[in-house]
Amino acid sequence: MATLLRADQLQVFFPVRAGLLRRKVDEIKAVHDVSFEIEEGKTLGLVGESGSGKSTVARALLKLIKATSGEVWWRDTEILSLSESQFRPLRKDMQMVFQDPYGSLNPRMIVEEIIAEPLRIHFRQQNKSERRDNVASLLQRVGLPKESLWRYPHEFSGGQRQRIGIARALAVQPKFLICDEPVSALDVSVQAQIINLLRDLQDEFGLTYLFIAHDLAVVEHMSDEIIVMNRGRVVEQGSAEQICDSPQHEYTRKLLAAVPSL
């Protein structure tokens, strides 16, 4: 299987400034020497406590924040060195599902407008009727009725709003999807529905996932490979079975011990 995305020694440092002149006095090493690769059609799980650097890695991969150093390769292209205009055509291949299914949706837009927005940007040849048909089809695929087109985000439950976020991410036919804590804000029963939906969509569209969570049990269920992060560094990496059945690092064992059991 070919490698779709590879990170080599990725680092993201944030300056700490003080004084009237806001001089740099220190730096926070949010991500330090993180390396991994993801094969096409596979899921890489990224797990760790809040503040471990997981979301910072995700945002650096999509150039939503600037990496301090390192390389990120999309197939044969190193993307961190690309200008915004050079990178823009690749944006539709890389999408994100955010943690907060309400905060990531514009409350002033109806669902049709929310999902159609990326279509207007990346598929300008489509007319309004074609966009509406595409949006209706996407809603149906994520388990929402066509009538959802004309409703606002506040009219939906948390799980339904996350389905809208997934539909928006899928609108531009991406190859790579970053799921940044996509179920942590949802009830346990709804979490299972969203996870199963993501797995079905992966099988149907051949998607590649970076799945981020703090719950190792959820990550194990979704992932082929798992990376465990702590304080910006990778402390353990291996297959999902290896990480969960025979963890080598003490931090990984603590994460496993924190998983609720019936």
Protein backbone atom coordinates (compact mmCIF):
# COMPACT_ATOMS: atom_id res chain seq x y z
CA MET A 1 0.00 0.00 0.00
CA ALA A 2 1.36 3.44 -0.97
CA THR A 3 2.09 6.10 1.63
CA LEU A 4 -0.34 9.01 1.33
CA LEU A 5 1.10 11.34 3.98
CA ARG A 6 4.38 11.40 5.89
CA ALA A 7 5.64 13.71 8.63
CA ASP A 8 9.38 13.89 9.31
CA GLN A 9 10.63 15.46 12.56
CA LEU A 10 7.71 17.87 12.75
CA GLN A 11 8.15 20.60 15.35
CA VAL A 12 5.84 23.41 16.45
CA PHE A 13 7.13 25.89 19.03
CA PHE A 14 5.16 28.86 20.32
CA PRO A 15 7.06 31.91 21.61
CA VAL A 16 6.44 33.21 25.13
CA ARG A 17 6.66 37.01 25.19
CA ALA A 18 6.87 39.45 28.08
CA GLY A 19 7.48 43.11 28.82
CA LEU A 20 6.34 46.28 27.11
CA LEU A 21 8.20 45.39 23.92
CA ARG A 22 6.81 41.84 23.94
CA ARG A 23 10.25 40.32 23.59
CA LYS A 24 10.55 36.55 23.34
CA VAL A 25 11.66 35.18 26.71
CA ASP A 26 10.93 31.49 26.24
CA GLU A 27 9.10 29.04 23.98
CA ILE A 28 6.56 26.28 24.41
CA LYS A 29 7.51 23.09 22.58
CA ALA A 30 3.99 21.99 21.66
CA VAL A 31 5.21 19.39 19.13
CA HIS A 32 8.75 18.07 19.24
CA ASP A 33 10.31 15.75 16.62
CA VAL A 34 7.11 13.91 15.62
CA SER A 35 7.46 11.50 12.69
CA PHE A 36 4.95 9.07 11.18
CA GLU A 37 3.42 7.95 7.90
CA ILE A 38 -0.09 6.94 6.90
CA GLU A 39 -0.84 4.46 4.14
CA GLU A 40 -3.73 5.04 1.74
CA GLY A 41 -7.02 3.66 3.05
CA LYS A 42 -5.67 3.16 6.58
CA THR A 43 -6.33 4.88 9.90
CA LEU A 44 -3.60 6.23 12.15
CA GLY A 45 -4.77 6.89 15.70
CA LEU A 46 -3.21 9.73 17.68
CA VAL A 47 -3.89 9.49 21.40
CA GLY A 48 -2.87 11.43 24.49
CA GLU A 49 -4.17 13.70 27.22
CA SER A 50 -5.38 17.23 26.57
CA GLY A 51 -2.35 19.41 25.94
CA SER A 52 -0.22 16.57 24.60
CA GLY A 53 0.08 18.21 21.16
CA LYS A 54 -2.38 16.10 19.17
CA SER A 55 -4.47 18.92 17.72
CA THR A 56 -1.37 21.01 17.09
CA VAL A 57 -0.02 18.19 14.90
CA ALA A 58 -3.31 18.12 12.97
CA ARG A 59 -3.33 21.85 12.35
CA ALA A 60 0.31 21.86 11.31
CA LEU A 61 -0.37 19.11 8.76
CA LEU A 62 -3.09 21.23 7.16
CA LYS A 63 -0.99 24.42 7.40
CA LEU A 64 -3.60 26.02 9.66
CA ILE A 65 -0.69 26.92 11.94
CA LYS A 66 2.94 27.30 10.91
CA ALA A 67 5.34 24.49 11.76
CA THR A 68 8.66 25.58 13.25
CA SER A 69 10.63 22.91 11.40
CA GLY A 70 10.33 19.48 9.81
CA GLU A 71 8.71 18.22 6.64
CA VAL A 72 5.27 16.98 5.66
CA TRP A 73 5.01 14.99 2.44
CA TRP A 74 1.76 14.51 0.53
CA ARG A 75 2.69 11.66 -1.79
CA ASP A 76 5.75 13.11 -3.56
CA THR A 77 5.17 16.76 -2.63
CA GLU A 78 6.64 18.49 0.43
CA ILE A 79 3.78 20.78 1.45
CA LEU A 80 5.17 22.92 4.29
CA SER A 81 7.40 24.75 1.82
CA LEU A 82 4.52 25.53 -0.55
CA SER A 83 3.03 29.01 -0.72
CA GLU A 84 -0.68 29.37 0.03
CA SER A 85 -1.51 29.66 -3.68
CA GLN A 86 0.50 26.50 -4.41
CA PHE A 87 -1.13 24.62 -1.53
CA ARG A 88 -4.72 25.72 -2.23
CA PRO A 89 -5.47 23.03 -4.87
CA LEU A 90 -4.47 20.36 -2.31
CA ARG A 91 -6.80 21.67 0.38
CA LYS A 92 -9.79 19.84 -1.04
CA ASP A 93 -7.89 16.56 -0.69
CA MET A 94 -7.33 17.16 3.05
CA GLN A 95 -10.29 17.98 5.27
CA MET A 96 -10.99 18.05 9.01
CA VAL A 97 -13.88 17.05 11.25
CA PHE A 98 -13.69 19.22 14.37
CA GLN A 99 -14.28 18.37 18.01
CA ASP A 100 -17.13 20.79 18.71
CA PRO A 101 -20.01 19.98 16.35
CA TYR A 102 -21.73 23.28 17.17
CA GLY A 103 -18.82 25.74 17.34
CA SER A 104 -17.52 24.55 13.94
CA LEU A 105 -20.81 25.35 12.18
CA ASN A 106 -21.89 28.89 11.33
CA PRO A 107 -25.10 29.46 13.35
CA ARG A 108 -26.31 32.09 10.85
CA MET A 109 -26.27 29.70 7.90
CA ILE A 110 -28.76 26.96 7.08
CA VAL A 111 -27.37 23.46 6.51
CA GLU A 112 -27.57 23.76 2.72
CA GLU A 113 -25.36 26.87 2.81
CA ILE A 114 -22.88 25.28 5.26
CA ILE A 115 -22.27 22.19 3.15
CA ALA A 116 -22.46 24.01 -0.20
CA GLU A 117 -19.82 26.58 0.80
CA PRO A 118 -16.79 24.36 0.00
CA LEU A 119 -18.51 23.30 -3.23
CA ARG A 120 -18.74 26.95 -4.34
CA ILE A 121 -15.02 27.38 -3.66
CA HIS A 122 -13.63 24.18 -5.20
CA PHE A 123 -16.28 23.24 -7.79
CA ARG A 124 -17.22 26.57 -9.34
CA GLN A 125 -18.58 24.90 -12.45
CA GLN A 126 -21.56 23.56 -10.49
CA ASN A 127 -24.77 25.58 -10.58
CA LYS A 128 -27.07 26.08 -7.58
CA SER A 129 -29.33 23.16 -8.49
CA GLU A 130 -26.40 20.76 -8.82
CA ARG A 131 -24.99 21.92 -5.48
CA ARG A 132 -28.35 21.38 -3.77
CA ASP A 133 -28.58 17.86 -5.19
CA ASN A 134 -25.05 17.11 -3.97
CA VAL A 135 -25.81 18.47 -0.50
CA ALA A 136 -29.03 16.44 -0.27
CA SER A 137 -27.13 13.31 -1.31
CA LEU A 138 -24.44 13.93 1.30
CA LEU A 139 -27.03 14.46 4.03
CA GLN A 140 -28.70 11.19 3.11
CA ARG A 141 -25.34 9.42 3.19
CA VAL A 142 -24.60 10.59 6.74
CA GLY A 143 -28.09 9.63 7.94
CA LEU A 144 -30.01 12.92 7.84
CA PRO A 145 -33.25 13.62 5.93
CA LYS A 146 -33.44 16.01 2.99
CA GLU A 147 -35.58 18.38 5.09
CA SER A 148 -32.40 19.18 7.06
CA LEU A 149 -31.35 21.41 4.15
CA TRP A 150 -33.40 24.36 5.39
CA ARG A 151 -32.73 24.11 9.11
CA TYR A 152 -30.15 25.88 11.29
CA PRO A 153 -27.47 24.12 13.39
CA HIS A 154 -29.17 24.92 16.72
CA GLU A 155 -32.18 22.84 15.63
CA PHE A 156 -30.12 19.61 15.71
CA SER A 157 -28.76 17.40 18.46
CA GLY A 158 -25.00 17.08 19.02
CA GLY A 159 -24.76 13.85 17.07
CA GLN A 160 -26.75 15.29 14.17
CA ARG A 161 -24.53 18.39 14.09
CA GLN A 162 -21.46 16.16 13.90
CA ARG A 163 -23.06 14.37 10.94
CA ILE A 164 -23.44 17.77 9.27
CA GLY A 165 -19.75 18.47 9.92
CA ILE A 166 -18.82 15.14 8.35
CA ALA A 167 -21.01 15.86 5.32
CA ARG A 168 -19.30 19.25 4.89
CA ALA A 169 -15.86 17.61 5.05
CA LEU A 170 -16.90 15.03 2.44
CA ALA A 171 -18.40 17.61 0.06
CA VAL A 172 -15.13 18.24 -1.80
CA GLN A 173 -14.38 14.51 -2.18
CA PRO A 174 -11.24 14.44 0.02
CA LYS A 175 -8.77 11.59 0.16
CA PHE A 176 -7.54 12.35 3.70
CA LEU A 177 -9.69 13.20 6.70
CA ILE A 178 -8.42 14.41 10.07
CA CYS A 179 -10.94 13.57 12.79
CA ASP A 180 -9.97 15.78 15.73
CA GLU A 181 -11.74 14.39 18.82
CA PRO A 182 -14.93 13.92 16.74
CA VAL A 183 -16.88 12.04 19.44
CA SER A 184 -15.53 13.43 22.73
CA ALA A 185 -18.37 15.97 23.06
CA LEU A 186 -21.09 13.37 22.40
CA ASP A 187 -23.04 10.91 24.54
CA VAL A 188 -21.64 7.38 24.64
CA SER A 189 -24.49 5.89 22.59
CA VAL A 190 -24.10 8.60 19.95
CA GLN A 191 -20.31 8.10 19.91
CA ALA A 192 -20.80 4.53 18.67
CA GLN A 193 -23.10 5.73 15.87
CA ILE A 194 -20.59 8.33 14.64
CA ILE A 195 -17.66 5.89 14.84
CA ASN A 196 -19.59 3.30 12.83
CA LEU A 197 -20.55 5.99 10.30
CA LEU A 198 -16.90 6.98 9.89
CA ARG A 199 -15.88 3.37 9.33
CA ASP A 200 -18.63 2.85 6.74
CA LEU A 201 -17.60 6.03 4.90
CA GLN A 202 -13.97 4.90 4.90
CA ASP A 203 -14.93 1.62 3.27
CA GLU A 204 -17.23 3.31 0.74
CA PHE A 205 -14.94 6.15 -0.35
CA GLY A 206 -11.50 4.67 0.35
CA LEU A 207 -10.70 7.42 2.84
CA THR A 208 -7.50 7.71 4.85
CA TYR A 209 -7.92 8.90 8.45
CA LEU A 210 -5.87 10.55 11.14
CA PHE A 211 -8.11 9.86 14.14
CA ILE A 212 -7.35 11.94 17.24
CA ALA A 213 -8.76 11.19 20.69
CA HIS A 214 -7.84 10.96 24.35
CA ASP A 215 -9.77 7.71 24.81
CA LEU A 216 -7.53 4.79 23.89
CA ALA A 217 -10.49 2.40 23.62
CA VAL A 218 -12.09 4.55 20.91
CA VAL A 219 -8.78 4.91 19.07
CA GLU A 220 -8.19 1.15 19.19
CA HIS A 221 -11.61 0.52 17.64
CA MET A 222 -10.88 2.90 14.74
CA SER A 223 -7.16 2.51 14.04
CA ASP A 224 -4.72 0.25 12.25
CA GLU A 225 -1.69 1.98 13.82
CA ILE A 226 -1.53 4.08 16.99
CA ILE A 227 0.80 6.85 18.13
CA VAL A 228 0.83 7.81 21.81
CA MET A 229 1.84 11.41 22.54
CA ASN A 230 2.80 13.03 25.82
CA ARG A 231 4.02 16.62 26.27
CA GLY A 232 4.54 17.09 22.54
CA ARG A 233 6.58 13.94 21.97
CA VAL A 234 5.83 10.47 20.65
CA VAL A 235 6.34 8.02 23.52
CA GLU A 236 5.10 4.87 21.80
CA GLN A 237 4.09 3.79 18.31
CA GLY A 238 2.88 0.51 16.84
CA SER A 239 -0.11 -1.51 15.66
CA ALA A 240 -3.39 -1.07 17.52
CA GLU A 241 -3.15 -4.62 18.81
CA GLN A 242 0.41 -4.16 20.03
CA ILE A 243 -0.24 -0.85 21.79
CA CYS A 244 -3.39 -2.04 23.58
CA ASP A 245 -2.39 -5.63 24.38
CA SER A 246 1.25 -5.12 25.38
CA PRO A 247 2.04 -1.43 25.99
CA GLN A 248 5.71 -0.72 26.58
CA HIS A 249 5.62 2.80 27.99
CA GLU A 250 4.32 3.68 31.45
CA TYR A 251 2.28 6.58 30.06
CA THR A 252 0.47 4.22 27.65
CA ARG A 253 -0.30 1.87 30.53
CA LYS A 254 -1.81 4.78 32.46
CA LEU A 255 -4.01 5.70 29.48
CA LEU A 256 -5.22 2.10 29.27
CA ALA A 257 -5.91 2.01 33.01
CA ALA A 258 -8.07 5.14 32.63
CA VAL A 259 -10.39 3.46 30.08
CA PRO A 260 -13.79 2.81 31.75
CA SER A 261 -14.82 -0.84 31.94
CA LEU A 262 -18.20 -2.43 32.59
